[in-house]
Amino acid sequence: MPEESTKGLREQIIQYMTEKKDYRTTGIPTWWFKFSVPGGTPKIRRELEKMEREGLVESDHRQSNNTLWKLMEPVDEVAP
């Protein structure tokens, strides 16, 4: 059951990031997600960190206490 809710959260995060096309180059602050994705900032951050380890998102920690997240573009596979 927890995997279902995590999958739903991940899908919602990806959908939100996809809709925010203006922020693809700069990134979306962690706290912005709480206005459109249910689950609270700590839960959302944990999922974003997990997604980063899997190569789905990239984080930018240059600003103090304001991590920016970018959705990685899908890479087309090259046929041998």
PDB file of N, CA and C in Angstrom:
ATOM      1  N   MET A   1       0.808  -1.200   0.000  1.00  0.00           N
ATOM      2  CA  MET A   1       0.000   0.000   0.000  1.00  0.00           C
ATOM      3  C   MET A   1       0.854   1.268   0.000  1.00  0.00           C
ATOM      4  N   PRO A   2       1.944   1.367   0.790  1.00  0.00           N
ATOM      5  CA  PRO A   2       2.769   2.573   0.743  1.00  0.00           C
ATOM      6  C   PRO A   2       3.368   2.806  -0.633  1.00  0.00           C
ATOM      7  N   GLU A   3       3.665   1.742  -1.377  1.00  0.00           N
ATOM      8  CA  GLU A   3       4.220   1.914  -2.719  1.00  0.00           C
ATOM      9  C   GLU A   3       3.224   2.602  -3.639  1.00  0.00           C
ATOM     10  N   GLU A   4       1.931   2.294  -3.471  1.00  0.00           N
ATOM     11  CA  GLU A   4       0.903   2.944  -4.282  1.00  0.00           C
ATOM     12  C   GLU A   4       0.873   4.437  -4.028  1.00  0.00           C
ATOM     13  N   SER A   5       0.910   4.830  -2.749  1.00  0.00           N
ATOM     14  CA  SER A   5       0.855   6.257  -2.434  1.00  0.00           C
ATOM     15  C   SER A   5       2.125   6.965  -2.898  1.00  0.00           C
ATOM     16  N   THR A   6       3.271   6.289  -2.827  1.00  0.00           N
ATOM     17  CA  THR A   6       4.514   6.877  -3.313  1.00  0.00           C
ATOM     18  C   THR A   6       4.452   7.046  -4.822  1.00  0.00           C
ATOM     19  N   LYS A   7       3.940   6.056  -5.509  1.00  0.00           N
ATOM     20  CA  LYS A   7       3.817   6.139  -6.955  1.00  0.00           C
ATOM     21  C   LYS A   7       2.894   7.290  -7.324  1.00  0.00           C
ATOM     22  N   GLY A   8       1.797   7.434  -6.616  1.00  0.00           N
ATOM     23  CA  GLY A   8       0.880   8.536  -6.873  1.00  0.00           C
ATOM     24  C   GLY A   8       1.539   9.877  -6.623  1.00  0.00           C
ATOM     25  N   LEU A   9       2.318   9.974  -5.571  1.00  0.00           N
ATOM     26  CA  LEU A   9       3.014  11.217  -5.250  1.00  0.00           C
ATOM     27  C   LEU A   9       4.026  11.537  -6.341  1.00  0.00           C
ATOM     28  N   ARG A  10       4.773  10.549  -6.768  1.00  0.00           N
ATOM     29  CA  ARG A  10       5.774  10.747  -7.824  1.00  0.00           C
ATOM     30  C   ARG A  10       5.099  11.231  -9.109  1.00  0.00           C
ATOM     31  N   GLU A  11       4.005  10.610  -9.474  1.00  0.00           N
ATOM     32  CA  GLU A  11       3.282  11.011 -10.686  1.00  0.00           C
ATOM     33  C   GLU A  11       2.800  12.451 -10.581  1.00  0.00           C
ATOM     34  N   GLN A  12       2.325  12.837  -9.402  1.00  0.00           N
ATOM     35  CA  GLN A  12       1.853  14.205  -9.197  1.00  0.00           C
ATOM     36  C   GLN A  12       3.005  15.200  -9.280  1.00  0.00           C
ATOM     37  N   ILE A  13       4.152  14.843  -8.737  1.00  0.00           N
ATOM     38  CA  ILE A  13       5.333  15.712  -8.799  1.00  0.00           C
ATOM     39  C   ILE A  13       5.767  15.894 -10.251  1.00  0.00           C
ATOM     40  N   ILE A  14       5.830  14.798 -10.996  1.00  0.00           N
ATOM     41  CA  ILE A  14       6.239  14.875 -12.400  1.00  0.00           C
ATOM     42  C   ILE A  14       5.248  15.702 -13.202  1.00  0.00           C
ATOM     43  N   GLN A  15       3.964  15.505 -12.952  1.00  0.00           N
ATOM     44  CA  GLN A  15       2.943  16.278 -13.660  1.00  0.00           C
ATOM     45  C   GLN A  15       3.094  17.768 -13.354  1.00  0.00           C
ATOM     46  N   TYR A  16       3.283  18.110 -12.092  1.00  0.00           N
ATOM     47  CA  TYR A  16       3.441  19.509 -11.693  1.00  0.00           C
ATOM     48  C   TYR A  16       4.664  20.128 -12.367  1.00  0.00           C
ATOM     49  N   MET A  17       5.778  19.392 -12.361  1.00  0.00           N
ATOM     50  CA  MET A  17       7.008  19.912 -12.962  1.00  0.00           C
ATOM     51  C   MET A  17       6.865  20.057 -14.482  1.00  0.00           C
ATOM     52  N   THR A  18       6.149  19.155 -15.098  1.00  0.00           N
ATOM     53  CA  THR A  18       5.930  19.213 -16.542  1.00  0.00           C
ATOM     54  C   THR A  18       5.084  20.429 -16.909  1.00  0.00           C
ATOM     55  N   GLU A  19       4.106  20.746 -16.069  1.00  0.00           N
ATOM     56  CA  GLU A  19       3.226  21.893 -16.328  1.00  0.00           C
ATOM     57  C   GLU A  19       3.944  23.225 -16.145  1.00  0.00           C
ATOM     58  N   LYS A  20       4.967  23.274 -15.326  1.00  0.00           N
ATOM     59  CA  LYS A  20       5.705  24.513 -15.047  1.00  0.00           C
ATOM     60  C   LYS A  20       6.857  24.674 -16.034  1.00  0.00           C
ATOM     61  N   LYS A  21       6.545  24.792 -17.305  1.00  0.00           N
ATOM     62  CA  LYS A  21       7.563  24.865 -18.358  1.00  0.00           C
ATOM     63  C   LYS A  21       8.483  26.067 -18.213  1.00  0.00           C
ATOM     64  N   ASP A  22       7.989  27.167 -17.659  1.00  0.00           N
ATOM     65  CA  ASP A  22       8.812  28.369 -17.492  1.00  0.00           C
ATOM     66  C   ASP A  22       9.976  28.139 -16.532  1.00  0.00           C
ATOM     67  N   TYR A  23       9.891  27.119 -15.693  1.00  0.00           N
ATOM     68  CA  TYR A  23      10.905  26.880 -14.666  1.00  0.00           C
ATOM     69  C   TYR A  23      11.816  25.707 -14.999  1.00  0.00           C
ATOM     70  N   ARG A  24      11.777  25.214 -16.225  1.00  0.00           N
ATOM     71  CA  ARG A  24      12.622  24.066 -16.601  1.00  0.00           C
ATOM     72  C   ARG A  24      14.101  24.385 -16.533  1.00  0.00           C
ATOM     73  N   THR A  25      14.470  25.628 -16.817  1.00  0.00           N
ATOM     74  CA  THR A  25      15.892  25.978 -16.789  1.00  0.00           C
ATOM     75  C   THR A  25      16.349  26.415 -15.405  1.00  0.00           C
ATOM     76  N   THR A  26      15.487  27.077 -14.645  1.00  0.00           N
ATOM     77  CA  THR A  26      15.879  27.571 -13.323  1.00  0.00           C
ATOM     78  C   THR A  26      15.584  26.580 -12.212  1.00  0.00           C
ATOM     79  N   GLY A  27      14.534  25.797 -12.337  1.00  0.00           N
ATOM     80  CA  GLY A  27      14.142  24.853 -11.306  1.00  0.00           C
ATOM     81  C   GLY A  27      12.990  25.374 -10.471  1.00  0.00           C
ATOM     82  N   ILE A  28      12.362  24.471  -9.735  1.00  0.00           N
ATOM     83  CA  ILE A  28      11.207  24.781  -8.894  1.00  0.00           C
ATOM     84  C   ILE A  28      11.619  24.591  -7.440  1.00  0.00           C
ATOM     85  N   PRO A  29      11.379  25.605  -6.584  1.00  0.00           N
ATOM     86  CA  PRO A  29      11.717  25.466  -5.168  1.00  0.00           C
ATOM     87  C   PRO A  29      10.881  24.365  -4.500  1.00  0.00           C
ATOM     88  N   THR A  30      11.460  23.670  -3.558  1.00  0.00           N
ATOM     89  CA  THR A  30      10.785  22.579  -2.859  1.00  0.00           C
ATOM     90  C   THR A  30       9.443  23.016  -2.295  1.00  0.00           C
ATOM     91  N   TRP A  31       9.394  24.171  -1.661  1.00  0.00           N
ATOM     92  CA  TRP A  31       8.177  24.591  -0.973  1.00  0.00           C
ATOM     93  C   TRP A  31       7.039  24.919  -1.927  1.00  0.00           C
ATOM     94  N   TRP A  32       7.286  25.158  -3.193  1.00  0.00           N
ATOM     95  CA  TRP A  32       6.208  25.431  -4.156  1.00  0.00           C
ATOM     96  C   TRP A  32       5.313  24.219  -4.352  1.00  0.00           C
ATOM     97  N   PHE A  33       5.878  23.031  -4.228  1.00  0.00           N
ATOM     98  CA  PHE A  33       5.107  21.816  -4.465  1.00  0.00           C
ATOM     99  C   PHE A  33       3.935  21.694  -3.501  1.00  0.00           C
ATOM    100  N   LYS A  34       4.090  22.211  -2.280  1.00  0.00           N
ATOM    101  CA  LYS A  34       3.042  22.019  -1.275  1.00  0.00           C
ATOM    102  C   LYS A  34       1.720  22.675  -1.668  1.00  0.00           C
ATOM    103  N   PHE A  35       1.744  23.609  -2.608  1.00  0.00           N
ATOM    104  CA  PHE A  35       0.519  24.275  -3.024  1.00  0.00           C
ATOM    105  C   PHE A  35      -0.255  23.473  -4.069  1.00  0.00           C
ATOM    106  N   SER A  36       0.384  22.516  -4.709  1.00  0.00           N
ATOM    107  CA  SER A  36      -0.275  21.758  -5.774  1.00  0.00           C
ATOM    108  C   SER A  36      -0.185  20.243  -5.618  1.00  0.00           C
ATOM    109  N   VAL A  37       0.706  19.786  -4.753  1.00  0.00           N
ATOM    110  CA  VAL A  37       0.896  18.349  -4.566  1.00  0.00           C
ATOM    111  C   VAL A  37       0.629  18.023  -3.099  1.00  0.00           C
ATOM    112  N   PRO A  38      -0.365  17.170  -2.814  1.00  0.00           N
ATOM    113  CA  PRO A  38      -0.648  16.831  -1.416  1.00  0.00           C
ATOM    114  C   PRO A  38       0.467  15.979  -0.810  1.00  0.00           C
ATOM    115  N   GLY A  39       0.665  16.119   0.489  1.00  0.00           N
ATOM    116  CA  GLY A  39       1.643  15.282   1.166  1.00  0.00           C
ATOM    117  C   GLY A  39       2.561  16.026   2.109  1.00  0.00           C
ATOM    118  N   GLY A  40       2.631  17.330   2.017  1.00  0.00           N
ATOM    119  CA  GLY A  40       3.502  18.088   2.904  1.00  0.00           C
ATOM    120  C   GLY A  40       4.927  18.138   2.397  1.00  0.00           C
ATOM    121  N   THR A  41       5.609  19.213   2.726  1.00  0.00           N
ATOM    122  CA  THR A  41       6.958  19.459   2.220  1.00  0.00           C
ATOM    123  C   THR A  41       7.958  18.349   2.574  1.00  0.00           C
ATOM    124  N   PRO A  42       8.007  17.834   3.826  1.00  0.00           N
ATOM    125  CA  PRO A  42       8.994  16.782   4.124  1.00  0.00           C
ATOM    126  C   PRO A  42       8.800  15.525   3.269  1.00  0.00           C
ATOM    127  N   LYS A  43       7.557  15.115   3.080  1.00  0.00           N
ATOM    128  CA  LYS A  43       7.265  13.926   2.278  1.00  0.00           C
ATOM    129  C   LYS A  43       7.625  14.169   0.813  1.00  0.00           C
ATOM    130  N   ILE A  44       7.310  15.354   0.310  1.00  0.00           N
ATOM    131  CA  ILE A  44       7.623  15.713  -1.072  1.00  0.00           C
ATOM    132  C   ILE A  44       9.134  15.759  -1.265  1.00  0.00           C
ATOM    133  N   ARG A  45       9.847  16.351  -0.309  1.00  0.00           N
ATOM    134  CA  ARG A  45      11.314  16.428  -0.396  1.00  0.00           C
ATOM    135  C   ARG A  45      11.930  15.027  -0.434  1.00  0.00           C
ATOM    136  N   ARG A  46      11.442  14.133   0.414  1.00  0.00           N
ATOM    137  CA  ARG A  46      11.971  12.758   0.425  1.00  0.00           C
ATOM    138  C   ARG A  46      11.780  12.092  -0.940  1.00  0.00           C
ATOM    139  N   GLU A  47      10.613  12.308  -1.538  1.00  0.00           N
ATOM    140  CA  GLU A  47      10.356  11.709  -2.850  1.00  0.00           C
ATOM    141  C   GLU A  47      11.241  12.345  -3.917  1.00  0.00           C
ATOM    142  N   LEU A  48      11.440  13.657  -3.852  1.00  0.00           N
ATOM    143  CA  LEU A  48      12.325  14.334  -4.805  1.00  0.00           C
ATOM    144  C   LEU A  48      13.760  13.816  -4.672  1.00  0.00           C
ATOM    145  N   GLU A  49      14.221  13.615  -3.436  1.00  0.00           N
ATOM    146  CA  GLU A  49      15.572  13.089  -3.214  1.00  0.00           C
ATOM    147  C   GLU A  49      15.707  11.668  -3.766  1.00  0.00           C
ATOM    148  N   LYS A  50      14.659  10.878  -3.593  1.00  0.00           N
ATOM    149  CA  LYS A  50      14.648   9.522  -4.141  1.00  0.00           C
ATOM    150  C   LYS A  50      14.679   9.579  -5.672  1.00  0.00           C
ATOM    151  N   MET A  51      13.906  10.481  -6.248  1.00  0.00           N
ATOM    152  CA  MET A  51      13.876  10.655  -7.702  1.00  0.00           C
ATOM    153  C   MET A  51      15.236  11.116  -8.222  1.00  0.00           C
ATOM    154  N   GLU A  52      15.936  11.932  -7.420  1.00  0.00           N
ATOM    155  CA  GLU A  52      17.268  12.394  -7.818  1.00  0.00           C
ATOM    156  C   GLU A  52      18.250  11.219  -7.871  1.00  0.00           C
ATOM    157  N   ARG A  53      18.187  10.349  -6.867  1.00  0.00           N
ATOM    158  CA  ARG A  53      19.067   9.175  -6.850  1.00  0.00           C
ATOM    159  C   ARG A  53      18.810   8.275  -8.067  1.00  0.00           C
ATOM    160  N   GLU A  54      17.580   8.294  -8.560  1.00  0.00           N
ATOM    161  CA  GLU A  54      17.206   7.476  -9.717  1.00  0.00           C
ATOM    162  C   GLU A  54      17.436   8.207 -11.039  1.00  0.00           C
ATOM    163  N   GLY A  55      17.907   9.453 -10.972  1.00  0.00           N
ATOM    164  CA  GLY A  55      18.225  10.198 -12.182  1.00  0.00           C
ATOM    165  C   GLY A  55      17.040  10.866 -12.863  1.00  0.00           C
ATOM    166  N   LEU A  56      15.925  11.008 -12.149  1.00  0.00           N
ATOM    167  CA  LEU A  56      14.733  11.614 -12.744  1.00  0.00           C
ATOM    168  C   LEU A  56      14.707  13.130 -12.607  1.00  0.00           C
ATOM    169  N   VAL A  57      15.310  13.635 -11.536  1.00  0.00           N
ATOM    170  CA  VAL A  57      15.371  15.076 -11.307  1.00  0.00           C
ATOM    171  C   VAL A  57      16.793  15.470 -10.931  1.00  0.00           C
ATOM    172  N   GLU A  58      17.048  16.753 -11.021  1.00  0.00           N
ATOM    173  CA  GLU A  58      18.355  17.306 -10.655  1.00  0.00           C
ATOM    174  C   GLU A  58      18.111  18.408  -9.635  1.00  0.00           C
ATOM    175  N   SER A  59      18.946  18.476  -8.603  1.00  0.00           N
ATOM    176  CA  SER A  59      18.777  19.508  -7.581  1.00  0.00           C
ATOM    177  C   SER A  59      19.876  20.557  -7.685  1.00  0.00           C
ATOM    178  N   ASP A  60      19.522  21.753  -7.247  1.00  0.00           N
ATOM    179  CA  ASP A  60      20.459  22.880  -7.228  1.00  0.00           C
ATOM    180  C   ASP A  60      20.443  23.426  -5.804  1.00  0.00           C
ATOM    181  N   HIS A  61      21.554  23.249  -5.090  1.00  0.00           N
ATOM    182  CA  HIS A  61      21.642  23.656  -3.683  1.00  0.00           C
ATOM    183  C   HIS A  61      22.433  24.953  -3.501  1.00  0.00           C
ATOM    184  N   ARG A  62      22.587  25.722  -4.550  1.00  0.00           N
ATOM    185  CA  ARG A  62      23.407  26.942  -4.452  1.00  0.00           C
ATOM    186  C   ARG A  62      22.803  27.979  -3.513  1.00  0.00           C
ATOM    187  N   GLN A  63      21.485  28.027  -3.410  1.00  0.00           N
ATOM    188  CA  GLN A  63      20.845  28.986  -2.509  1.00  0.00           C
ATOM    189  C   GLN A  63      20.682  28.346  -1.135  1.00  0.00           C
ATOM    190  N   SER A  64      20.922  29.127  -0.109  1.00  0.00           N
ATOM    191  CA  SER A  64      20.776  28.633   1.250  1.00  0.00           C
ATOM    192  C   SER A  64      19.298  28.378   1.554  1.00  0.00           C
ATOM    193  N   ASN A  65      18.994  27.168   2.049  1.00  0.00           N
ATOM    194  CA  ASN A  65      17.652  26.804   2.479  1.00  0.00           C
ATOM    195  C   ASN A  65      16.606  26.951   1.366  1.00  0.00           C
ATOM    196  N   ASN A  66      16.984  26.744   0.115  1.00  0.00           N
ATOM    197  CA  ASN A  66      16.035  26.852  -0.994  1.00  0.00           C
ATOM    198  C   ASN A  66      16.511  25.973  -2.152  1.00  0.00           C
ATOM    199  N   THR A  67      16.274  24.675  -2.043  1.00  0.00           N
ATOM    200  CA  THR A  67      16.681  23.756  -3.105  1.00  0.00           C
ATOM    201  C   THR A  67      15.769  23.918  -4.308  1.00  0.00           C
ATOM    202  N   LEU A  68      16.371  23.998  -5.480  1.00  0.00           N
ATOM    203  CA  LEU A  68      15.614  24.073  -6.725  1.00  0.00           C
ATOM    204  C   LEU A  68      15.697  22.713  -7.411  1.00  0.00           C
ATOM    205  N   TRP A  69      14.592  22.279  -7.995  1.00  0.00           N
ATOM    206  CA  TRP A  69      14.522  20.970  -8.634  1.00  0.00           C
ATOM    207  C   TRP A  69      14.171  21.115 -10.102  1.00  0.00           C
ATOM    208  N   LYS A  70      14.877  20.350 -10.939  1.00  0.00           N
ATOM    209  CA  LYS A  70      14.612  20.341 -12.379  1.00  0.00           C
ATOM    210  C   LYS A  70      14.336  18.911 -12.825  1.00  0.00           C
ATOM    211  N   LEU A  71      13.324  18.775 -13.646  1.00  0.00           N
ATOM    212  CA  LEU A  71      12.994  17.480 -14.219  1.00  0.00           C
ATOM    213  C   LEU A  71      13.978  17.199 -15.346  1.00  0.00           C
ATOM    214  N   MET A  72      14.606  16.046 -15.300  1.00  0.00           N
ATOM    215  CA  MET A  72      15.573  15.685 -16.335  1.00  0.00           C
ATOM    216  C   MET A  72      14.826  15.350 -17.613  1.00  0.00           C
ATOM    217  N   GLU A  73      15.382  15.763 -18.726  1.00  0.00           N
ATOM    218  CA  GLU A  73      14.781  15.466 -20.024  1.00  0.00           C
ATOM    219  C   GLU A  73      15.036  13.996 -20.350  1.00  0.00           C
ATOM    220  N   PRO A  74      14.032  13.318 -20.899  1.00  0.00           N
ATOM    221  CA  PRO A  74      14.264  11.921 -21.281  1.00  0.00           C
ATOM    222  C   PRO A  74      15.307  11.834 -22.389  1.00  0.00           C
ATOM    223  N   VAL A  75      16.169  10.851 -22.286  1.00  0.00           N
ATOM    224  CA  VAL A  75      17.230  10.664 -23.272  1.00  0.00           C
ATOM    225  C   VAL A  75      16.774   9.597 -24.264  1.00  0.00           C
ATOM    226  N   ASP A  76      16.821   9.930 -25.538  1.00  0.00           N
ATOM    227  CA  ASP A  76      16.469   8.951 -26.565  1.00  0.00           C
ATOM    228  C   ASP A  76      17.569   7.901 -26.643  1.00  0.00           C
ATOM    229  N   GLU A  77      17.158   6.647 -26.676  1.00  0.00           N
ATOM    230  CA  GLU A  77      18.146   5.574 -26.773  1.00  0.00           C
ATOM    231  C   GLU A  77      18.658   5.496 -28.205  1.00  0.00           C
ATOM    232  N   VAL A  78      19.941   5.298 -28.319  1.00  0.00           N
ATOM    233  CA  VAL A  78      20.565   5.191 -29.631  1.00  0.00           C
ATOM    234  C   VAL A  78      20.666   3.719 -30.000  1.00  0.00           C
ATOM    235  N   ALA A  79      20.157   3.380 -31.170  1.00  0.00           N
ATOM    236  CA  ALA A  79      20.221   1.988 -31.625  1.00  0.00           C
ATOM    237  C   ALA A  79      21.636   1.669 -32.102  1.00  0.00           C
ATOM    238  N   PRO A  80      22.145   0.481 -31.762  1.00  0.00           N
ATOM    239  CA  PRO A  80      23.505   0.117 -32.184  1.00  0.00           C
ATOM    240  C   PRO A  80      23.606  -0.099 -33.681  1.00  0.00           C
TER     241      PRO A  80
END
